[in-house]
PDB file of N, CA and C in Angstrom:
ATOM      1  N   MET A   1      12.679  10.083  -0.349  1.00  0.00           N
ATOM      2  CA  MET A   1      12.583   9.118  -1.437  1.00  0.00           C
ATOM      3  C   MET A   1      11.948   9.941  -2.539  1.00  0.00           C
ATOM      4  N   ALA A   2      12.541  10.156  -3.730  1.00  0.00           N
ATOM      5  CA  ALA A   2      11.964  10.661  -4.921  1.00  0.00           C
ATOM      6  C   ALA A   2      10.939   9.840  -5.376  1.00  0.00           C
ATOM      7  N   GLN A   3       9.850  10.573  -5.697  1.00  0.00           N
ATOM      8  CA  GLN A   3       8.729   9.961  -6.314  1.00  0.00           C
ATOM      9  C   GLN A   3       8.479  10.123  -7.787  1.00  0.00           C
ATOM     10  N   TYR A   4       8.554   9.141  -8.548  1.00  0.00           N
ATOM     11  CA  TYR A   4       8.364   9.361 -10.072  1.00  0.00           C
ATOM     12  C   TYR A   4       6.958   9.114 -10.530  1.00  0.00           C
ATOM     13  N   LYS A   5       6.706   9.359 -11.763  1.00  0.00           N
ATOM     14  CA  LYS A   5       5.340   9.407 -12.370  1.00  0.00           C
ATOM     15  C   LYS A   5       4.892   7.864 -12.242  1.00  0.00           C
ATOM     16  N   HIS A   6       5.771   7.077 -12.671  1.00  0.00           N
ATOM     17  CA  HIS A   6       5.328   5.588 -12.732  1.00  0.00           C
ATOM     18  C   HIS A   6       5.109   5.063 -11.395  1.00  0.00           C
ATOM     19  N   ASP A   7       5.757   5.685 -10.278  1.00  0.00           N
ATOM     20  CA  ASP A   7       5.642   5.291  -8.897  1.00  0.00           C
ATOM     21  C   ASP A   7       4.246   5.698  -8.431  1.00  0.00           C
ATOM     22  N   ARG A   8       3.800   6.913  -8.686  1.00  0.00           N
ATOM     23  CA  ARG A   8       2.539   7.454  -8.352  1.00  0.00           C
ATOM     24  C   ARG A   8       1.325   6.762  -9.072  1.00  0.00           C
ATOM     25  N   PHE A   9       1.566   6.273 -10.347  1.00  0.00           N
ATOM     26  CA  PHE A   9       0.646   5.582 -10.985  1.00  0.00           C
ATOM     27  C   PHE A   9       0.473   4.133 -10.386  1.00  0.00           C
ATOM     28  N   PHE A  10       1.560   3.517 -10.103  1.00  0.00           N
ATOM     29  CA  PHE A  10       1.527   2.256  -9.520  1.00  0.00           C
ATOM     30  C   PHE A  10       0.861   2.289  -8.199  1.00  0.00           C
ATOM     31  N   LYS A  11       1.146   3.153  -7.238  1.00  0.00           N
ATOM     32  CA  LYS A  11       0.485   3.217  -6.077  1.00  0.00           C
ATOM     33  C   LYS A  11      -0.905   3.508  -6.157  1.00  0.00           C
ATOM     34  N   PHE A  12      -1.471   4.258  -7.095  1.00  0.00           N
ATOM     35  CA  PHE A  12      -2.816   4.586  -7.283  1.00  0.00           C
ATOM     36  C   PHE A  12      -3.547   3.323  -7.944  1.00  0.00           C
ATOM     37  N   TYR A  13      -2.930   2.677  -8.830  1.00  0.00           N
ATOM     38  CA  TYR A  13      -3.455   1.475  -9.417  1.00  0.00           C
ATOM     39  C   TYR A  13      -3.750   0.410  -8.307  1.00  0.00           C
ATOM     40  N   ILE A  14      -2.664   0.260  -7.562  1.00  0.00           N
ATOM     41  CA  ILE A  14      -2.722  -0.871  -6.733  1.00  0.00           C
ATOM     42  C   ILE A  14      -3.830  -0.662  -5.553  1.00  0.00           C
ATOM     43  N   GLN A  15      -3.863   0.677  -5.227  1.00  0.00           N
ATOM     44  CA  GLN A  15      -4.979   0.967  -4.117  1.00  0.00           C
ATOM     45  C   GLN A  15      -6.275   0.840  -4.751  1.00  0.00           C
ATOM     46  N   SER A  16      -6.499   1.143  -5.975  1.00  0.00           N
ATOM     47  CA  SER A  16      -7.829   0.999  -6.648  1.00  0.00           C
ATOM     48  C   SER A  16      -8.237  -0.507  -6.866  1.00  0.00           C
ATOM     49  N   LEU A  17      -7.105  -1.240  -7.245  1.00  0.00           N
ATOM     50  CA  LEU A  17      -7.292  -2.727  -7.442  1.00  0.00           C
ATOM     51  C   LEU A  17      -7.739  -3.407  -6.063  1.00  0.00           C
ATOM     52  N   TYR A  18      -7.045  -3.128  -4.943  1.00  0.00           N
ATOM     53  CA  TYR A  18      -7.286  -3.820  -3.696  1.00  0.00           C
ATOM     54  C   TYR A  18      -8.329  -3.087  -2.714  1.00  0.00           C
ATOM     55  N   LYS A  19      -8.981  -2.163  -3.253  1.00  0.00           N
ATOM     56  CA  LYS A  19      -9.999  -1.361  -2.579  1.00  0.00           C
ATOM     57  C   LYS A  19     -11.091  -2.304  -2.046  1.00  0.00           C
ATOM     58  N   THR A  20     -11.439  -3.179  -2.874  1.00  0.00           N
ATOM     59  CA  THR A  20     -12.461  -4.113  -2.413  1.00  0.00           C
ATOM     60  C   THR A  20     -12.084  -5.312  -1.564  1.00  0.00           C
ATOM     61  N   LYS A  21     -10.833  -5.512  -1.405  1.00  0.00           N
ATOM     62  CA  LYS A  21     -10.222  -6.721  -0.679  1.00  0.00           C
ATOM     63  C   LYS A  21      -9.803  -6.151   0.714  1.00  0.00           C
ATOM     64  N   GLY A  22      -9.459  -4.912   0.940  1.00  0.00           N
ATOM     65  CA  GLY A  22      -8.887  -4.592   2.253  1.00  0.00           C
ATOM     66  C   GLY A  22      -8.476  -2.949   2.209  1.00  0.00           C
ATOM     67  N   GLU A  23      -7.398  -2.811   2.871  1.00  0.00           N
ATOM     68  CA  GLU A  23      -6.979  -1.446   3.154  1.00  0.00           C
ATOM     69  C   GLU A  23      -5.517  -1.394   2.673  1.00  0.00           C
ATOM     70  N   THR A  24      -5.171  -0.246   2.103  1.00  0.00           N
ATOM     71  CA  THR A  24      -3.709   0.050   1.684  1.00  0.00           C
ATOM     72  C   THR A  24      -3.292   1.157   2.412  1.00  0.00           C
ATOM     73  N   GLN A  25      -2.028   1.181   2.801  1.00  0.00           N
ATOM     74  CA  GLN A  25      -1.410   2.452   3.347  1.00  0.00           C
ATOM     75  C   GLN A  25      -0.228   2.739   2.664  1.00  0.00           C
ATOM     76  N   GLN A  26       0.178   4.059   2.531  1.00  0.00           N
ATOM     77  CA  GLN A  26       1.386   4.540   1.913  1.00  0.00           C
ATOM     78  C   GLN A  26       2.424   5.171   2.883  1.00  0.00           C
ATOM     79  N   ASN A  27       3.646   4.969   2.662  1.00  0.00           N
ATOM     80  CA  ASN A  27       4.760   5.834   3.225  1.00  0.00           C
ATOM     81  C   ASN A  27       4.649   5.512   4.692  1.00  0.00           C
ATOM     82  N   ILE A  28       4.798   4.267   5.112  1.00  0.00           N
ATOM     83  CA  ILE A  28       4.789   3.958   6.536  1.00  0.00           C
ATOM     84  C   ILE A  28       6.260   3.980   7.085  1.00  0.00           C
ATOM     85  N   GLN A  29       6.452   4.703   8.049  1.00  0.00           N
ATOM     86  CA  GLN A  29       7.670   4.863   8.706  1.00  0.00           C
ATOM     87  C   GLN A  29       8.117   3.599   9.523  1.00  0.00           C
ATOM     88  N   VAL A  30       9.328   3.075   9.309  1.00  0.00           N
ATOM     89  CA  VAL A  30       9.672   1.959  10.128  1.00  0.00           C
ATOM     90  C   VAL A  30      11.050   2.364  10.794  1.00  0.00           C
ATOM     91  N   ARG A  31      10.940   2.093  12.146  1.00  0.00           N
ATOM     92  CA  ARG A  31      12.180   2.602  12.935  1.00  0.00           C
ATOM     93  C   ARG A  31      12.875   1.379  13.209  1.00  0.00           C
ATOM     94  N   ASN A  32      14.101   1.355  12.825  1.00  0.00           N
ATOM     95  CA  ASN A  32      15.156   0.259  13.146  1.00  0.00           C
ATOM     96  C   ASN A  32      16.490   0.932  13.329  1.00  0.00           C
ATOM     97  N   ASP A  33      17.505   0.215  13.106  1.00  0.00           N
ATOM     98  CA  ASP A  33      18.841   0.897  13.133  1.00  0.00           C
ATOM     99  C   ASP A  33      18.988   2.113  12.296  1.00  0.00           C
ATOM    100  N   GLU A  34      18.207   2.033  11.153  1.00  0.00           N
ATOM    101  CA  GLU A  34      18.102   3.149  10.319  1.00  0.00           C
ATOM    102  C   GLU A  34      16.697   3.568   9.906  1.00  0.00           C
ATOM    103  N   ASP A  35      16.390   4.644   9.738  1.00  0.00           N
ATOM    104  CA  ASP A  35      14.948   5.079   9.375  1.00  0.00           C
ATOM    105  C   ASP A  35      14.632   4.502   7.966  1.00  0.00           C
ATOM    106  N   LEU A  36      13.559   3.733   7.905  1.00  0.00           N
ATOM    107  CA  LEU A  36      13.202   3.128   6.615  1.00  0.00           C
ATOM    108  C   LEU A  36      11.759   3.414   6.276  1.00  0.00           C
ATOM    109  N   GLU A  37      11.173   3.213   5.267  1.00  0.00           N
ATOM    110  CA  GLU A  37       9.832   3.673   4.845  1.00  0.00           C
ATOM    111  C   GLU A  37       9.201   2.564   3.855  1.00  0.00           C
ATOM    112  N   ILE A  38       8.217   2.069   4.227  1.00  0.00           N
ATOM    113  CA  ILE A  38       7.414   1.068   3.298  1.00  0.00           C
ATOM    114  C   ILE A  38       6.581   1.825   2.332  1.00  0.00           C
ATOM    115  N   ASP A  39       6.790   1.684   0.955  1.00  0.00           N
ATOM    116  CA  ASP A  39       6.173   2.515   0.048  1.00  0.00           C
ATOM    117  C   ASP A  39       4.659   2.317   0.012  1.00  0.00           C
ATOM    118  N   LEU A  40       4.224   1.113  -0.051  1.00  0.00           N
ATOM    119  CA  LEU A  40       2.814   0.683   0.018  1.00  0.00           C
ATOM    120  C   LEU A  40       2.598  -0.598   0.699  1.00  0.00           C
ATOM    121  N   MET A  41       1.658  -0.632   1.604  1.00  0.00           N
ATOM    122  CA  MET A  41       1.267  -1.977   2.344  1.00  0.00           C
ATOM    123  C   MET A  41      -0.093  -2.255   2.271  1.00  0.00           C
ATOM    124  N   PHE A  42      -0.428  -3.498   2.047  1.00  0.00           N
ATOM    125  CA  PHE A  42      -1.804  -4.020   1.948  1.00  0.00           C
ATOM    126  C   PHE A  42      -2.198  -4.746   3.208  1.00  0.00           C
ATOM    127  N   PHE A  43      -3.365  -4.425   3.896  1.00  0.00           N
ATOM    128  CA  PHE A  43      -3.844  -5.189   5.001  1.00  0.00           C
ATOM    129  C   PHE A  43      -5.174  -5.762   4.489  1.00  0.00           C
ATOM    130  N   GLY A  44      -5.244  -7.084   4.288  1.00  0.00           N
ATOM    131  CA  GLY A  44      -6.418  -7.818   3.723  1.00  0.00           C
ATOM    132  C   GLY A  44      -7.397  -7.935   5.038  1.00  0.00           C
ATOM    133  N   ASN A  45      -8.803  -8.040   4.495  1.00  0.00           N
ATOM    134  CA  ASN A  45      -9.881  -8.370   5.346  1.00  0.00           C
ATOM    135  C   ASN A  45     -10.578  -9.572   4.838  1.00  0.00           C
ATOM    136  N   ARG A  46     -10.267 -10.596   5.446  1.00  0.00           N
ATOM    137  CA  ARG A  46     -10.912 -11.899   4.953  1.00  0.00           C
ATOM    138  C   ARG A  46     -12.427 -11.961   5.217  1.00  0.00           C
ATOM    139  N   ASP A  47     -12.914 -11.138   6.129  1.00  0.00           N
ATOM    140  CA  ASP A  47     -14.320 -11.094   6.301  1.00  0.00           C
ATOM    141  C   ASP A  47     -15.091 -10.537   5.197  1.00  0.00           C
ATOM    142  N   ASN A  48     -14.376  -9.679   4.502  1.00  0.00           N
ATOM    143  CA  ASN A  48     -14.940  -8.961   3.388  1.00  0.00           C
ATOM    144  C   ASN A  48     -15.377  -9.952   2.249  1.00  0.00           C
ATOM    145  N   PRO A  49     -16.608  -9.837   1.716  1.00  0.00           N
ATOM    146  CA  PRO A  49     -17.166 -10.832   0.606  1.00  0.00           C
ATOM    147  C   PRO A  49     -16.335 -10.654  -0.649  1.00  0.00           C
ATOM    148  N   GLY A  50     -15.497  -9.669  -0.864  1.00  0.00           N
ATOM    149  CA  GLY A  50     -14.696  -9.402  -2.050  1.00  0.00           C
ATOM    150  C   GLY A  50     -13.764 -10.599  -2.332  1.00  0.00           C
ATOM    151  N   TRP A  51     -13.352 -11.264  -1.176  1.00  0.00           N
ATOM    152  CA  TRP A  51     -12.409 -12.441  -1.235  1.00  0.00           C
ATOM    153  C   TRP A  51     -13.008 -13.679  -1.808  1.00  0.00           C
ATOM    154  N   GLN A  52     -14.379 -13.696  -1.794  1.00  0.00           N
ATOM    155  CA  GLN A  52     -14.914 -14.977  -2.317  1.00  0.00           C
ATOM    156  C   GLN A  52     -15.294 -14.945  -3.822  1.00  0.00           C
TER     157      GLN A  52
END
């Protein structure tokens, strides 16, 4: 997948924004009938005081 300037900026911005709320991962491979990729996924940590 081609990665454009605005795409890199968006991924960096979202990761910085959610850093206090949990964890983000990029380019996660998903195996199904066809190979897919998740560009950016957020895993929230509700025990983190950043949610309150």
